[in-house]
Protein backbone atom coordinates (compact mmCIF):
# COMPACT_ATOMS: atom_id res chain seq x y z
CA UNK A 1 -79.71 -56.98 -139.06
CA UNK A 2 -79.85 -60.80 -138.82
CA UNK A 3 -81.58 -62.46 -136.07
CA UNK A 4 -80.05 -65.36 -135.04
CA UNK A 5 -80.95 -68.78 -135.43
CA UNK A 6 -84.47 -69.59 -133.33
CA UNK A 7 -85.13 -65.99 -132.87
CA UNK A 8 -87.62 -64.11 -134.56
CA UNK A 9 -86.39 -60.72 -136.39
CA UNK A 10 -88.76 -58.92 -134.10
CA UNK A 11 -86.96 -60.15 -131.07
CA UNK A 12 -83.61 -59.30 -132.71
CA UNK A 13 -84.54 -55.64 -133.47
CA UNK A 14 -86.34 -54.81 -130.24
CA UNK A 15 -83.53 -53.22 -128.54
CA UNK A 16 -82.77 -50.61 -131.12
CA UNK A 17 -86.37 -49.89 -132.04
CA UNK A 18 -87.05 -49.56 -127.98
CA UNK A 19 -83.91 -47.03 -128.25
CA UNK A 20 -85.92 -44.84 -130.70
CA UNK A 21 -88.94 -44.57 -129.16
CA UNK A 22 -89.88 -41.32 -127.11
CA UNK A 23 -89.96 -41.71 -123.33
CA UNK A 24 -93.93 -41.83 -123.45
CA UNK A 25 -93.72 -45.09 -125.55
CA UNK A 26 -93.77 -48.23 -124.15
CA UNK A 27 -92.25 -51.81 -125.61
CA UNK A 28 -94.01 -54.54 -126.36
CA UNK A 29 -92.36 -55.84 -123.22
CA UNK A 30 -93.86 -53.46 -120.36
CA UNK A 31 -97.67 -53.83 -122.56
CA UNK A 32 -97.62 -57.29 -122.88
CA UNK A 33 -96.61 -56.84 -118.53
CA UNK A 34 -99.78 -54.63 -118.10
CA UNK A 35 -102.12 -57.10 -119.51
CA UNK A 36 -103.51 -60.74 -117.93
CA UNK A 37 -103.72 -63.56 -120.36
CA UNK A 38 -106.90 -64.47 -120.93
CA UNK A 39 -106.11 -68.19 -120.93
CA UNK A 40 -107.00 -68.73 -117.77
CA UNK A 41 -103.36 -69.22 -116.29
CA UNK A 42 -103.53 -65.78 -114.36
CA UNK A 43 -100.55 -64.36 -115.65
CA UNK A 44 -99.44 -61.61 -117.57
CA UNK A 45 -99.83 -61.95 -121.45
CA UNK A 46 -95.49 -61.80 -121.62
CA UNK A 47 -95.18 -64.43 -118.55
CA UNK A 48 -98.15 -66.75 -119.98
CA UNK A 49 -96.17 -70.51 -120.70
CA UNK A 50 -98.19 -72.21 -122.25
CA UNK A 51 -97.50 -73.58 -125.83
CA UNK A 52 -99.44 -72.25 -128.68
CA UNK A 53 -101.71 -70.30 -126.16
CA UNK A 54 -104.62 -69.30 -127.46
CA UNK A 55 -104.72 -66.15 -126.24
CA UNK A 56 -101.87 -65.44 -125.52
CA UNK A 57 -99.90 -65.57 -128.87
CA UNK A 58 -103.25 -63.58 -130.68
CA UNK A 59 -102.81 -60.77 -127.60
CA UNK A 60 -98.97 -60.51 -128.76
CA UNK A 61 -99.36 -60.20 -132.07
CA UNK A 62 -102.56 -57.60 -131.43
CA UNK A 63 -99.92 -55.67 -129.27
CA UNK A 64 -97.04 -55.86 -131.64
CA UNK A 65 -99.25 -54.38 -134.36
CA UNK A 66 -100.46 -51.78 -131.85
CA UNK A 67 -97.28 -50.54 -131.64
CA UNK A 68 -96.58 -50.70 -135.37
CA UNK A 69 -99.22 -47.58 -135.33
CA UNK A 70 -97.45 -45.47 -133.53
CA UNK A 71 -99.51 -45.68 -130.35
CA UNK A 72 -98.66 -45.00 -126.73
CA UNK A 73 -98.72 -46.94 -124.10
CA UNK A 74 -102.17 -45.54 -122.58
CA UNK A 75 -103.43 -45.71 -126.14
CA UNK A 76 -102.50 -49.23 -126.35
CA UNK A 77 -104.12 -50.24 -122.51
CA UNK A 78 -106.99 -48.20 -123.49
CA UNK A 79 -107.79 -50.00 -126.42
CA UNK A 80 -107.44 -53.29 -125.01
CA UNK A 81 -109.34 -52.58 -121.80
CA UNK A 82 -112.00 -51.23 -124.24
CA UNK A 83 -112.21 -54.51 -126.20
CA UNK A 84 -111.97 -57.18 -123.70
CA UNK A 85 -113.27 -54.87 -120.53
CA UNK A 86 -111.05 -54.22 -117.29
CA UNK A 87 -110.26 -57.91 -116.49
CA UNK A 88 -107.96 -57.50 -119.01
CA UNK A 89 -105.47 -55.02 -117.23
CA UNK A 90 -102.87 -56.60 -114.78
CA UNK A 91 -103.19 -53.96 -112.21
CA UNK A 92 -106.54 -52.37 -111.50
CA UNK A 93 -107.26 -48.89 -112.26
CA UNK A 94 -107.22 -46.10 -110.04
CA UNK A 95 -110.78 -44.80 -110.82
CA UNK A 96 -114.51 -45.59 -109.83
CA UNK A 97 -115.02 -48.76 -107.34
CA UNK A 98 -111.40 -49.48 -107.71
CA UNK A 99 -110.44 -46.22 -106.05
CA UNK A 100 -112.09 -47.20 -102.81
CA UNK A 101 -110.47 -49.98 -103.24
CA UNK A 102 -107.41 -48.36 -103.43
CA UNK A 103 -107.78 -46.15 -100.31
CA UNK A 104 -110.38 -47.38 -98.08
CA UNK A 105 -108.07 -49.92 -96.32
CA UNK A 106 -105.30 -46.81 -95.55
CA UNK A 107 -108.39 -44.53 -94.07
CA UNK A 108 -109.61 -47.68 -92.08
CA UNK A 109 -105.92 -48.00 -90.79
CA UNK A 110 -105.70 -44.19 -89.67
CA UNK A 111 -109.41 -43.86 -88.21
CA UNK A 112 -108.52 -47.16 -86.30
CA UNK A 113 -105.38 -45.49 -84.93
CA UNK A 114 -107.22 -42.11 -84.00
CA UNK A 115 -109.33 -44.23 -82.27
CA UNK A 116 -106.99 -46.45 -79.98
CA UNK A 117 -105.39 -42.89 -78.76
CA UNK A 118 -108.97 -41.31 -78.07
CA UNK A 119 -109.14 -44.33 -76.14
CA UNK A 120 -105.90 -44.58 -74.18
CA UNK A 121 -105.82 -40.66 -73.23
CA UNK A 122 -109.64 -41.05 -71.63
CA UNK A 123 -108.44 -44.63 -69.97
CA UNK A 124 -105.04 -42.30 -68.26
CA UNK A 125 -107.16 -39.15 -67.19
CA UNK A 126 -110.08 -41.53 -66.02
CA UNK A 127 -107.25 -43.35 -63.61
CA UNK A 128 -105.62 -39.98 -62.69
CA UNK A 129 -109.36 -38.68 -61.67
CA UNK A 130 -109.91 -41.64 -59.27
CA UNK A 131 -108.49 -41.28 -55.88
CA UNK A 132 -106.91 -44.64 -55.85
CA UNK A 133 -105.63 -44.43 -59.31
CA UNK A 134 -102.46 -45.18 -60.54
CA UNK A 135 -100.14 -43.25 -58.82
CA UNK A 136 -97.95 -40.82 -60.62
CA UNK A 137 -94.05 -42.25 -61.39
CA UNK A 138 -92.05 -41.17 -58.74
CA UNK A 139 -94.95 -40.36 -56.49
CA UNK A 140 -94.47 -41.45 -52.99
CA UNK A 141 -97.26 -44.05 -51.85
CA UNK A 142 -99.81 -42.72 -49.33
CA UNK A 143 -99.14 -43.27 -45.53
CA UNK A 144 -101.86 -46.37 -44.14
CA UNK A 145 -103.69 -45.91 -41.47
CA UNK A 146 -102.42 -47.17 -38.43
CA UNK A 147 -105.71 -49.01 -37.70
CA UNK A 148 -104.83 -50.76 -41.26
CA UNK A 149 -100.98 -51.50 -40.63
CA UNK A 150 -102.00 -53.03 -36.93
CA UNK A 151 -104.21 -55.53 -38.88
CA UNK A 152 -101.81 -56.10 -41.57
CA UNK A 153 -98.55 -57.06 -39.20
CA UNK A 154 -101.03 -59.12 -36.91
CA UNK A 155 -102.33 -61.20 -40.21
CA UNK A 156 -98.52 -61.31 -41.20
CA UNK A 157 -97.45 -62.53 -38.15
CA UNK A 158 -100.07 -65.30 -38.14
CA UNK A 159 -99.31 -66.42 -40.88
CA UNK A 160 -95.60 -67.35 -40.45
CA UNK A 161 -96.13 -68.61 -37.37
CA UNK A 162 -98.80 -71.07 -39.66
CA UNK A 163 -96.45 -71.71 -41.65
């Protein structure tokens, strides 16, 4: 296949090559997207926009060499992790300390929700146990003591006279 002007022959043959690979294998684009460029840009190897990047260009070539040897995606990513360390991976792994980093926030949210539920149930029970606590919905108000009612009425009358 002849590549269009300005396009490398490798890029022109990539779609056909990707179709012949098995479902467990990955394309160069996928693997480059799984690796972080080491030039300091913070982008993936595929997305690094530096011209003549001292890290991205050699990594792209190395990925192409690994694919040419027939290695799978996991083998290639393991190779890069062993060579450069875990910092080369764009997404953290789900083993070791990283597993705790993935799970602890969800556990904390669950425990916090359970704690709030327990506190709310205890407050409701405590309010129901107190004789002057919150009345239940639809319950009639308790009648006032006649002496208190007379005192309230005289205070209201006094207030109306002053205003």
